[in-house]
Amino acid sequence: MLDKIDVLMTLAAGLLPRRVACPATSDMMMVMARLHDVVFDARHPASIARFWAAVLDGYAVAPYDEAELARLRGMGILDTEDDPSVLVESPGLRPRFFFQLVPESKAGKNRVHLDLACDSLADEVDRLQGLGATLVAEYADHLLLHDPEGNEFCLSERQ
């Protein structure tokens, strides 16, 4: 029989289901959800993925191996520029970012947005604008920007 420490160690290793009986009691032990991926709806996933890969320190568009290229060809997609779901990742880090093709345009304000921190606000806003971001508003402690597809995000200096 597993004790509490064994259950927690096994859960951490991902070897048990997310809901397990706690051996010390008859109660079910719940394991809270963890952030896995962030998904953006996009008009053109490849180009917006490149933007965010350039914005985020240590992130890059995931390389296409032969299996992924074969999967795309099986869908009739011969150019990675037309990939309907592009992954941006940093090896060993979470979250990953997926950019998925959707038919509808963005309408209205985002309900969720990313907050980014940098060392020099002036230098970083210049860099982001050079990548295609648009400065929308300046506040006392942060800037509001849009990515090239109009998604809001905020930028502040590291504290």
N, C-alpha and C. Protein backbone atom coordinates (compact mmCIF):
# COMPACT_ATOMS: atom_id res chain seq x y z
N MET A 1 0.84 -1.18 0.00
CA MET A 1 0.00 0.00 0.00
C MET A 1 0.89 1.25 0.00
N LEU A 2 0.49 2.23 -0.77
CA LEU A 2 1.26 3.47 -0.86
C LEU A 2 0.95 4.37 0.33
N ASP A 3 1.99 5.02 0.89
CA ASP A 3 1.71 6.03 1.90
C ASP A 3 1.59 7.39 1.21
N LYS A 4 1.28 8.44 1.98
CA LYS A 4 1.06 9.77 1.39
C LYS A 4 2.26 10.25 0.58
N ILE A 5 3.47 10.06 1.09
CA ILE A 5 4.66 10.53 0.39
C ILE A 5 4.82 9.77 -0.93
N ASP A 6 4.59 8.44 -0.90
CA ASP A 6 4.67 7.67 -2.14
C ASP A 6 3.66 8.17 -3.17
N VAL A 7 2.44 8.47 -2.72
CA VAL A 7 1.41 8.96 -3.63
C VAL A 7 1.85 10.29 -4.24
N LEU A 8 2.34 11.21 -3.42
CA LEU A 8 2.76 12.51 -3.93
C LEU A 8 3.94 12.38 -4.87
N MET A 9 4.90 11.53 -4.56
CA MET A 9 6.07 11.33 -5.44
C MET A 9 5.61 10.72 -6.76
N THR A 10 4.71 9.78 -6.71
CA THR A 10 4.22 9.14 -7.93
C THR A 10 3.41 10.11 -8.77
N LEU A 11 2.60 10.94 -8.11
CA LEU A 11 1.86 11.97 -8.84
C LEU A 11 2.82 12.93 -9.52
N ALA A 12 3.85 13.36 -8.79
CA ALA A 12 4.81 14.30 -9.36
C ALA A 12 5.50 13.70 -10.58
N ALA A 13 5.69 12.42 -10.58
CA ALA A 13 6.31 11.76 -11.74
C ALA A 13 5.31 11.51 -12.86
N GLY A 14 4.04 11.81 -12.61
CA GLY A 14 3.02 11.66 -13.63
C GLY A 14 2.58 10.22 -13.86
N LEU A 15 2.75 9.36 -12.86
CA LEU A 15 2.46 7.95 -13.04
C LEU A 15 1.09 7.51 -12.54
N LEU A 16 0.37 8.37 -11.86
CA LEU A 16 -0.96 8.03 -11.36
C LEU A 16 -1.99 8.97 -11.98
N PRO A 17 -3.23 8.55 -11.99
CA PRO A 17 -4.27 9.48 -12.46
C PRO A 17 -4.33 10.70 -11.56
N ARG A 18 -4.97 11.74 -12.06
CA ARG A 18 -5.00 13.02 -11.34
C ARG A 18 -5.86 12.96 -10.08
N ARG A 19 -6.67 11.93 -9.90
CA ARG A 19 -7.50 11.81 -8.71
C ARG A 19 -7.22 10.43 -8.13
N VAL A 20 -6.69 10.39 -6.91
CA VAL A 20 -6.30 9.10 -6.31
C VAL A 20 -6.82 9.02 -4.89
N ALA A 21 -6.99 7.79 -4.44
CA ALA A 21 -7.39 7.58 -3.04
C ALA A 21 -6.18 7.83 -2.17
N CYS A 22 -6.35 8.62 -1.14
CA CYS A 22 -5.28 8.89 -0.20
C CYS A 22 -5.25 7.73 0.81
N PRO A 23 -4.13 6.99 0.90
CA PRO A 23 -4.10 5.78 1.73
C PRO A 23 -4.36 6.02 3.20
N ALA A 24 -4.03 7.18 3.73
CA ALA A 24 -4.19 7.43 5.16
C ALA A 24 -5.65 7.70 5.53
N THR A 25 -6.47 8.01 4.54
CA THR A 25 -7.89 8.29 4.79
C THR A 25 -8.71 7.65 3.69
N SER A 26 -9.98 7.70 3.82
CA SER A 26 -10.84 7.19 2.75
C SER A 26 -11.20 8.30 1.77
N ASP A 27 -10.67 9.50 1.99
CA ASP A 27 -10.97 10.64 1.12
C ASP A 27 -10.24 10.52 -0.20
N MET A 28 -10.80 11.15 -1.22
CA MET A 28 -10.10 11.25 -2.50
C MET A 28 -9.21 12.49 -2.44
N MET A 29 -7.98 12.36 -2.88
CA MET A 29 -7.07 13.48 -2.90
C MET A 29 -7.14 14.10 -4.30
N MET A 30 -7.42 15.40 -4.37
CA MET A 30 -7.50 16.08 -5.65
C MET A 30 -6.18 16.77 -5.95
N VAL A 31 -5.76 16.67 -7.17
CA VAL A 31 -4.56 17.35 -7.61
C VAL A 31 -5.01 18.49 -8.52
N MET A 32 -4.59 19.69 -8.19
CA MET A 32 -5.02 20.87 -8.93
C MET A 32 -4.44 20.88 -10.34
N ALA A 33 -5.14 21.54 -11.23
CA ALA A 33 -4.67 21.68 -12.61
C ALA A 33 -3.41 22.53 -12.65
N ARG A 34 -2.57 22.25 -13.64
CA ARG A 34 -1.35 23.02 -13.86
C ARG A 34 -1.38 23.62 -15.26
N LEU A 35 -0.82 24.79 -15.40
CA LEU A 35 -0.73 25.43 -16.71
C LEU A 35 0.12 24.56 -17.63
N HIS A 36 -0.42 24.24 -18.79
CA HIS A 36 0.27 23.38 -19.73
C HIS A 36 0.69 24.17 -20.98
N ASP A 37 -0.28 24.74 -21.68
CA ASP A 37 -0.04 25.51 -22.89
C ASP A 37 -0.92 26.74 -22.89
N VAL A 38 -0.50 27.74 -23.64
CA VAL A 38 -1.31 28.92 -23.91
C VAL A 38 -1.61 28.89 -25.40
N VAL A 39 -2.88 29.02 -25.76
CA VAL A 39 -3.27 28.92 -27.16
C VAL A 39 -3.87 30.24 -27.63
N PHE A 40 -3.35 30.74 -28.74
CA PHE A 40 -3.84 31.96 -29.36
C PHE A 40 -4.59 31.58 -30.63
N ASP A 41 -5.76 32.15 -30.84
CA ASP A 41 -6.41 32.05 -32.14
C ASP A 41 -5.70 33.02 -33.07
N ALA A 42 -5.57 32.64 -34.34
CA ALA A 42 -4.77 33.46 -35.25
C ALA A 42 -5.31 33.44 -36.67
N ARG A 43 -5.07 34.55 -37.38
CA ARG A 43 -5.37 34.62 -38.82
C ARG A 43 -4.30 33.88 -39.61
N HIS A 44 -3.02 34.07 -39.18
CA HIS A 44 -1.90 33.41 -39.85
C HIS A 44 -0.94 32.91 -38.78
N PRO A 45 -1.11 31.66 -38.33
CA PRO A 45 -0.32 31.14 -37.21
C PRO A 45 1.19 31.24 -37.38
N ALA A 46 1.71 30.99 -38.56
CA ALA A 46 3.17 30.99 -38.73
C ALA A 46 3.78 32.36 -38.45
N SER A 47 3.17 33.42 -38.98
CA SER A 47 3.77 34.74 -38.78
C SER A 47 3.60 35.24 -37.35
N ILE A 48 2.46 35.00 -36.72
CA ILE A 48 2.29 35.47 -35.34
C ILE A 48 3.14 34.62 -34.38
N ALA A 49 3.36 33.35 -34.72
CA ALA A 49 4.26 32.51 -33.92
C ALA A 49 5.68 33.06 -33.98
N ARG A 50 6.12 33.47 -35.16
CA ARG A 50 7.48 34.05 -35.28
C ARG A 50 7.59 35.33 -34.46
N PHE A 51 6.53 36.15 -34.46
CA PHE A 51 6.55 37.38 -33.66
C PHE A 51 6.77 37.02 -32.19
N TRP A 52 5.94 36.12 -31.64
CA TRP A 52 6.04 35.80 -30.22
C TRP A 52 7.34 35.07 -29.88
N ALA A 53 7.85 34.26 -30.81
CA ALA A 53 9.14 33.62 -30.57
C ALA A 53 10.24 34.67 -30.43
N ALA A 54 10.16 35.73 -31.22
CA ALA A 54 11.14 36.81 -31.14
C ALA A 54 10.95 37.66 -29.88
N VAL A 55 9.71 37.78 -29.42
CA VAL A 55 9.41 38.59 -28.23
C VAL A 55 9.90 37.93 -26.96
N LEU A 56 9.65 36.62 -26.83
CA LEU A 56 9.88 35.92 -25.57
C LEU A 56 11.30 35.36 -25.46
N ASP A 57 11.98 35.73 -24.42
CA ASP A 57 13.36 35.31 -24.18
C ASP A 57 13.45 33.79 -24.09
N GLY A 58 14.29 33.21 -24.92
CA GLY A 58 14.54 31.77 -24.87
C GLY A 58 13.56 30.92 -25.66
N TYR A 59 12.56 31.52 -26.26
CA TYR A 59 11.55 30.77 -27.01
C TYR A 59 11.87 30.80 -28.51
N ALA A 60 11.41 29.76 -29.20
CA ALA A 60 11.60 29.68 -30.65
C ALA A 60 10.45 28.87 -31.25
N VAL A 61 10.20 29.08 -32.52
CA VAL A 61 9.23 28.24 -33.22
C VAL A 61 9.80 26.83 -33.22
N ALA A 62 8.98 25.86 -32.84
CA ALA A 62 9.45 24.48 -32.79
C ALA A 62 9.86 24.02 -34.19
N PRO A 63 10.98 23.32 -34.27
CA PRO A 63 11.42 22.85 -35.59
C PRO A 63 10.48 21.77 -36.13
N TYR A 64 10.43 21.69 -37.43
CA TYR A 64 9.61 20.69 -38.11
C TYR A 64 10.48 19.48 -38.41
N ASP A 65 10.15 18.34 -37.79
CA ASP A 65 10.85 17.11 -38.14
C ASP A 65 10.09 16.41 -39.27
N GLU A 66 10.64 15.33 -39.77
CA GLU A 66 10.02 14.64 -40.91
C GLU A 66 8.61 14.14 -40.57
N ALA A 67 8.40 13.68 -39.34
CA ALA A 67 7.07 13.19 -38.96
C ALA A 67 6.05 14.32 -39.01
N GLU A 68 6.43 15.51 -38.55
CA GLU A 68 5.50 16.65 -38.58
C GLU A 68 5.24 17.10 -40.02
N LEU A 69 6.28 17.11 -40.83
CA LEU A 69 6.10 17.47 -42.24
C LEU A 69 5.20 16.46 -42.95
N ALA A 70 5.35 15.18 -42.62
CA ALA A 70 4.48 14.15 -43.20
C ALA A 70 3.04 14.34 -42.74
N ARG A 71 2.86 14.70 -41.47
CA ARG A 71 1.50 14.95 -40.96
C ARG A 71 0.86 16.10 -41.74
N LEU A 72 1.61 17.16 -41.96
CA LEU A 72 1.09 18.29 -42.72
C LEU A 72 0.77 17.89 -44.16
N ARG A 73 1.68 17.15 -44.80
CA ARG A 73 1.42 16.70 -46.17
C ARG A 73 0.16 15.85 -46.23
N GLY A 74 -0.07 15.04 -45.20
CA GLY A 74 -1.27 14.22 -45.13
C GLY A 74 -2.54 15.06 -45.07
N MET A 75 -2.40 16.30 -44.63
CA MET A 75 -3.54 17.24 -44.58
C MET A 75 -3.58 18.10 -45.84
N GLY A 76 -2.67 17.83 -46.78
CA GLY A 76 -2.62 18.62 -48.01
C GLY A 76 -1.85 19.92 -47.87
N ILE A 77 -1.06 20.06 -46.82
CA ILE A 77 -0.29 21.28 -46.56
C ILE A 77 1.16 21.02 -46.93
N LEU A 78 1.66 21.74 -47.92
CA LEU A 78 3.01 21.51 -48.42
C LEU A 78 4.01 22.55 -47.95
N ASP A 79 3.54 23.64 -47.38
CA ASP A 79 4.41 24.73 -46.93
C ASP A 79 4.12 24.99 -45.45
N THR A 80 5.17 25.02 -44.62
CA THR A 80 4.97 25.26 -43.19
C THR A 80 4.36 26.63 -42.92
N GLU A 81 4.45 27.55 -43.87
CA GLU A 81 3.78 28.85 -43.73
C GLU A 81 2.27 28.69 -43.64
N ASP A 82 1.75 27.57 -44.11
CA ASP A 82 0.31 27.32 -44.10
C ASP A 82 -0.10 26.40 -42.97
N ASP A 83 0.81 26.09 -42.05
CA ASP A 83 0.51 25.21 -40.91
C ASP A 83 -0.61 25.84 -40.08
N PRO A 84 -1.69 25.09 -39.82
CA PRO A 84 -2.80 25.66 -39.06
C PRO A 84 -2.57 25.70 -37.55
N SER A 85 -1.47 25.12 -37.07
CA SER A 85 -1.19 25.13 -35.63
C SER A 85 0.32 25.13 -35.44
N VAL A 86 0.86 26.28 -35.04
CA VAL A 86 2.31 26.43 -34.92
C VAL A 86 2.68 26.55 -33.44
N LEU A 87 3.69 25.80 -33.06
CA LEU A 87 4.14 25.74 -31.67
C LEU A 87 5.36 26.64 -31.46
N VAL A 88 5.33 27.41 -30.36
CA VAL A 88 6.48 28.19 -29.90
C VAL A 88 6.82 27.67 -28.51
N GLU A 89 8.07 27.28 -28.33
CA GLU A 89 8.46 26.66 -27.07
C GLU A 89 9.87 27.04 -26.67
N SER A 90 10.17 26.76 -25.41
CA SER A 90 11.52 26.86 -24.88
C SER A 90 11.81 25.51 -24.25
N PRO A 91 12.81 24.80 -24.75
CA PRO A 91 13.04 23.44 -24.28
C PRO A 91 13.05 23.32 -22.76
N GLY A 92 12.21 22.43 -22.26
CA GLY A 92 12.14 22.16 -20.83
C GLY A 92 11.32 23.14 -20.03
N LEU A 93 10.78 24.18 -20.67
CA LEU A 93 9.99 25.17 -19.94
C LEU A 93 8.52 25.11 -20.33
N ARG A 94 7.68 25.50 -19.43
CA ARG A 94 6.26 25.67 -19.68
C ARG A 94 5.93 27.09 -19.29
N PRO A 95 4.98 27.73 -19.87
CA PRO A 95 4.09 27.13 -20.86
C PRO A 95 4.69 27.17 -22.25
N ARG A 96 4.12 26.35 -23.11
CA ARG A 96 4.38 26.44 -24.54
C ARG A 96 3.26 27.32 -25.09
N PHE A 97 3.47 27.84 -26.29
CA PHE A 97 2.46 28.68 -26.93
C PHE A 97 2.10 28.07 -28.28
N PHE A 98 0.80 27.84 -28.48
CA PHE A 98 0.30 27.37 -29.77
C PHE A 98 -0.46 28.51 -30.43
N PHE A 99 -0.30 28.61 -31.73
CA PHE A 99 -1.02 29.60 -32.52
C PHE A 99 -1.83 28.81 -33.53
N GLN A 100 -3.16 28.87 -33.37
CA GLN A 100 -4.03 28.04 -34.20
C GLN A 100 -4.90 28.88 -35.12
N LEU A 101 -5.04 28.39 -36.33
CA LEU A 101 -5.84 29.06 -37.34
C LEU A 101 -7.32 29.01 -36.97
N VAL A 102 -7.97 30.17 -37.03
CA VAL A 102 -9.43 30.25 -36.86
C VAL A 102 -9.98 31.11 -37.99
N PRO A 103 -11.21 30.83 -38.40
CA PRO A 103 -11.78 31.56 -39.55
C PRO A 103 -12.22 32.98 -39.21
N GLU A 104 -12.60 33.21 -37.97
CA GLU A 104 -13.12 34.53 -37.62
C GLU A 104 -12.01 35.48 -37.20
N SER A 105 -12.24 36.77 -37.40
CA SER A 105 -11.30 37.81 -36.98
C SER A 105 -11.45 38.09 -35.50
N LYS A 106 -10.41 38.64 -34.90
CA LYS A 106 -10.49 39.06 -33.51
C LYS A 106 -11.52 40.17 -33.40
N ALA A 107 -12.37 40.07 -32.40
CA ALA A 107 -13.40 41.10 -32.19
C ALA A 107 -13.38 41.51 -30.73
N GLY A 108 -13.13 42.77 -30.47
CA GLY A 108 -13.16 43.27 -29.10
C GLY A 108 -11.87 43.04 -28.34
N LYS A 109 -11.94 43.37 -27.08
CA LYS A 109 -10.79 43.30 -26.17
C LYS A 109 -10.55 41.86 -25.73
N ASN A 110 -9.27 41.49 -25.60
CA ASN A 110 -8.94 40.17 -25.06
C ASN A 110 -9.47 40.05 -23.64
N ARG A 111 -9.94 38.88 -23.29
CA ARG A 111 -10.35 38.61 -21.91
C ARG A 111 -9.16 38.17 -21.06
N VAL A 112 -8.11 37.70 -21.70
CA VAL A 112 -6.87 37.30 -21.03
C VAL A 112 -5.73 37.87 -21.87
N HIS A 113 -4.68 38.33 -21.20
CA HIS A 113 -3.52 38.81 -21.94
C HIS A 113 -2.25 38.47 -21.17
N LEU A 114 -1.11 38.57 -21.85
CA LEU A 114 0.18 38.32 -21.22
C LEU A 114 0.73 39.62 -20.65
N ASP A 115 1.37 39.52 -19.49
CA ASP A 115 2.11 40.63 -18.90
C ASP A 115 3.59 40.26 -18.98
N LEU A 116 4.37 41.10 -19.63
CA LEU A 116 5.80 40.87 -19.80
C LEU A 116 6.58 41.88 -18.98
N ALA A 117 7.75 41.48 -18.51
CA ALA A 117 8.63 42.37 -17.75
C ALA A 117 9.98 42.42 -18.45
N CYS A 118 10.61 43.58 -18.39
CA CYS A 118 11.90 43.78 -19.07
C CYS A 118 12.80 44.64 -18.19
N ASP A 119 14.06 44.75 -18.59
CA ASP A 119 15.01 45.56 -17.83
C ASP A 119 14.91 47.04 -18.18
N SER A 120 14.66 47.36 -19.45
CA SER A 120 14.58 48.76 -19.89
C SER A 120 13.32 48.93 -20.74
N LEU A 121 12.36 49.61 -20.20
CA LEU A 121 11.08 49.81 -20.88
C LEU A 121 11.27 50.50 -22.23
N ALA A 122 12.05 51.56 -22.27
CA ALA A 122 12.25 52.30 -23.51
C ALA A 122 12.90 51.43 -24.59
N ASP A 123 13.95 50.69 -24.21
CA ASP A 123 14.63 49.83 -25.19
C ASP A 123 13.72 48.70 -25.66
N GLU A 124 12.99 48.12 -24.74
CA GLU A 124 12.16 46.97 -25.11
C GLU A 124 10.97 47.38 -25.95
N VAL A 125 10.34 48.51 -25.67
CA VAL A 125 9.21 48.92 -26.50
C VAL A 125 9.71 49.23 -27.91
N ASP A 126 10.89 49.80 -28.04
CA ASP A 126 11.46 50.03 -29.37
C ASP A 126 11.68 48.71 -30.11
N ARG A 127 12.23 47.73 -29.40
CA ARG A 127 12.48 46.42 -30.00
C ARG A 127 11.16 45.76 -30.43
N LEU A 128 10.16 45.82 -29.56
CA LEU A 128 8.87 45.19 -29.87
C LEU A 128 8.18 45.88 -31.04
N GLN A 129 8.26 47.19 -31.09
CA GLN A 129 7.68 47.91 -32.23
C GLN A 129 8.41 47.53 -33.52
N GLY A 130 9.70 47.32 -33.45
CA GLY A 130 10.46 46.88 -34.61
C GLY A 130 10.03 45.49 -35.09
N LEU A 131 9.51 44.68 -34.17
CA LEU A 131 9.01 43.35 -34.53
C LEU A 131 7.59 43.38 -35.07
N GLY A 132 6.90 44.53 -34.88
CA GLY A 132 5.53 44.64 -35.38
C GLY A 132 4.48 44.96 -34.33
N ALA A 133 4.89 45.14 -33.08
CA ALA A 133 3.93 45.51 -32.03
C ALA A 133 3.52 46.97 -32.19
N THR A 134 2.37 47.30 -31.66
CA THR A 134 1.86 48.67 -31.68
C THR A 134 1.65 49.14 -30.25
N LEU A 135 2.19 50.30 -29.92
CA LEU A 135 1.97 50.90 -28.61
C LEU A 135 0.57 51.49 -28.60
N VAL A 136 -0.25 51.06 -27.62
CA VAL A 136 -1.65 51.49 -27.54
C VAL A 136 -1.84 52.56 -26.47
N ALA A 137 -1.24 52.36 -25.30
CA ALA A 137 -1.43 53.30 -24.19
C ALA A 137 -0.25 53.21 -23.23
N GLU A 138 0.02 54.34 -22.58
CA GLU A 138 1.07 54.40 -21.57
C GLU A 138 0.42 54.69 -20.23
N TYR A 139 0.79 53.89 -19.23
CA TYR A 139 0.29 54.07 -17.86
C TYR A 139 1.49 54.32 -16.96
N ALA A 140 1.23 54.68 -15.71
CA ALA A 140 2.32 55.02 -14.79
C ALA A 140 3.30 53.86 -14.61
N ASP A 141 2.79 52.62 -14.58
CA ASP A 141 3.66 51.48 -14.27
C ASP A 141 3.79 50.45 -15.39
N HIS A 142 3.13 50.68 -16.54
CA HIS A 142 3.24 49.72 -17.64
C HIS A 142 2.75 50.33 -18.96
N LEU A 143 3.05 49.63 -20.02
CA LEU A 143 2.57 50.00 -21.35
C LEU A 143 1.60 48.93 -21.84
N LEU A 144 0.62 49.36 -22.62
CA LEU A 144 -0.30 48.44 -23.27
C LEU A 144 0.07 48.41 -24.75
N LEU A 145 0.27 47.21 -25.28
CA LEU A 145 0.64 47.05 -26.69
C LEU A 145 -0.30 46.04 -27.35
N HIS A 146 -0.28 46.05 -28.69
CA HIS A 146 -0.95 45.03 -29.49
C HIS A 146 0.11 44.28 -30.27
N ASP A 147 -0.07 42.96 -30.42
CA ASP A 147 0.79 42.22 -31.33
C ASP A 147 0.29 42.46 -32.75
N PRO A 148 0.94 41.94 -33.77
CA PRO A 148 0.52 42.23 -35.15
C PRO A 148 -0.91 41.80 -35.51
N GLU A 149 -1.51 40.90 -34.72
CA GLU A 149 -2.89 40.49 -34.98
C GLU A 149 -3.87 41.19 -34.05
N GLY A 150 -3.39 42.14 -33.25
CA GLY A 150 -4.28 42.93 -32.40
C GLY A 150 -4.50 42.39 -31.00
N ASN A 151 -3.78 41.35 -30.60
CA ASN A 151 -3.89 40.83 -29.24
C ASN A 151 -3.18 41.76 -28.26
N GLU A 152 -3.86 42.10 -27.18
CA GLU A 152 -3.27 42.99 -26.18
C GLU A 152 -2.24 42.26 -25.34
N PHE A 153 -1.21 42.98 -24.93
CA PHE A 153 -0.27 42.51 -23.91
C PHE A 153 0.33 43.73 -23.23
N CYS A 154 0.81 43.53 -22.02
CA CYS A 154 1.37 44.63 -21.24
C CYS A 154 2.87 44.42 -21.05
N LEU A 155 3.56 45.54 -20.89
CA LEU A 155 4.99 45.53 -20.70
C LEU A 155 5.33 46.47 -19.53
N SER A 156 6.11 45.97 -18.59
CA SER A 156 6.56 46.80 -17.47
C SER A 156 8.01 46.49 -17.20
N GLU A 157 8.64 47.34 -16.39
CA GLU A 157 10.03 47.10 -16.01
C GLU A 157 10.06 46.14 -14.84
N ARG A 158 11.09 45.28 -14.83
CA ARG A 158 11.26 44.33 -13.71
C ARG A 158 11.48 45.13 -12.43
N GLN A 159 10.90 44.63 -11.38
CA GLN A 159 11.07 45.28 -10.07
C GLN A 159 12.21 44.65 -9.31
